[in-house]
Amino acid sequence: MNKFIVLKMEDIKDHLTFDEQLFLGAFIDRINLCRETEGKAVNDYVVINRDEPYINEVTDIMRKHGHWEDAE
């Protein structure tokens, strides 16, 4: 199972109905509220596609700092 789910905003707008977009937003809001209640940060992430020519440099840096596992 993946650790994260990434959805492109353009895909959400193009492929979900307005009501589905509202539901998704409500689910995200609920998760963020629960995280805050638990004293956890609401994180903000950087996403890099694995097919980018510089991906090895990025994963090397992440591996160096303990944020990358080869099984991912």
Protein backbone atom coordinates (compact mmCIF):
# COMPACT_ATOMS: atom_id res chain seq x y z
CA MET A 1 0.00 0.00 0.00
CA ASN A 2 1.22 3.50 -0.82
CA LYS A 3 2.03 5.84 2.03
CA PHE A 4 0.57 8.87 0.25
CA ILE A 5 -2.16 9.66 -2.26
CA VAL A 6 -1.55 12.48 -4.73
CA LEU A 7 -4.37 13.91 -6.79
CA LYS A 8 -3.83 16.57 -9.43
CA MET A 9 -6.28 19.44 -8.98
CA GLU A 10 -6.91 19.57 -12.72
CA ASP A 11 -7.93 15.88 -12.67
CA ILE A 12 -10.29 16.48 -9.77
CA LYS A 13 -11.97 19.33 -11.64
CA ASP A 14 -12.08 17.40 -14.93
CA HIS A 15 -13.22 14.00 -13.65
CA LEU A 16 -15.39 14.59 -10.57
CA THR A 17 -18.81 16.13 -10.46
CA PHE A 18 -19.29 19.26 -8.41
CA ASP A 19 -20.88 17.21 -5.62
CA GLU A 20 -18.00 14.72 -5.66
CA GLN A 21 -15.55 17.61 -5.40
CA LEU A 22 -17.46 18.90 -2.36
CA PHE A 23 -17.35 15.44 -0.74
CA LEU A 24 -13.61 15.14 -1.39
CA GLY A 25 -13.04 18.60 0.09
CA ALA A 26 -15.11 17.66 3.14
CA PHE A 27 -13.07 14.47 3.64
CA ILE A 28 -9.81 16.40 3.39
CA ASP A 29 -11.10 19.03 5.84
CA ARG A 30 -12.11 16.28 8.29
CA ILE A 31 -8.68 14.62 8.12
CA ASN A 32 -6.96 17.98 8.67
CA LEU A 33 -9.23 18.78 11.63
CA CYS A 34 -8.53 15.37 13.18
CA ARG A 35 -4.78 15.86 12.72
CA GLU A 36 -4.97 19.25 14.43
CA THR A 37 -7.03 17.75 17.28
CA GLU A 38 -4.34 15.07 17.70
CA GLY A 39 -1.68 17.80 17.87
CA LYS A 40 -0.26 16.86 14.48
CA ALA A 41 0.71 19.31 11.77
CA VAL A 42 -1.34 19.71 8.63
CA ASN A 43 1.47 18.98 6.22
CA ASP A 44 2.28 20.66 2.93
CA TYR A 45 4.12 18.46 0.44
CA VAL A 46 6.31 18.77 -2.63
CA VAL A 47 5.52 16.24 -5.35
CA ILE A 48 8.01 15.10 -7.97
CA ASN A 49 7.10 12.71 -10.76
CA ARG A 50 9.34 9.66 -10.89
CA ASP A 51 9.89 10.12 -14.63
CA GLU A 52 11.68 13.46 -14.18
CA PRO A 53 15.32 13.39 -15.37
CA TYR A 54 16.56 14.63 -11.95
CA ILE A 55 14.68 12.06 -9.84
CA ASN A 56 17.86 10.18 -8.88
CA GLU A 57 19.40 13.36 -7.48
CA VAL A 58 16.28 14.05 -5.43
CA THR A 59 16.01 10.51 -4.08
CA ASP A 60 19.74 10.51 -3.24
CA ILE A 61 19.24 13.65 -1.12
CA MET A 62 16.16 12.15 0.55
CA ARG A 63 18.00 8.86 1.20
CA LYS A 64 20.91 10.80 2.75
CA HIS A 65 18.48 12.35 5.24
CA GLY A 66 16.60 9.12 5.99
CA HIS A 67 13.46 10.02 4.04
CA TRP A 68 13.62 7.44 1.26
CA GLU A 69 13.42 3.68 1.30
CA ASP A 70 14.40 1.73 -1.82
CA ALA A 71 11.26 -0.44 -1.52
CA GLU A 72 9.00 2.57 -2.16
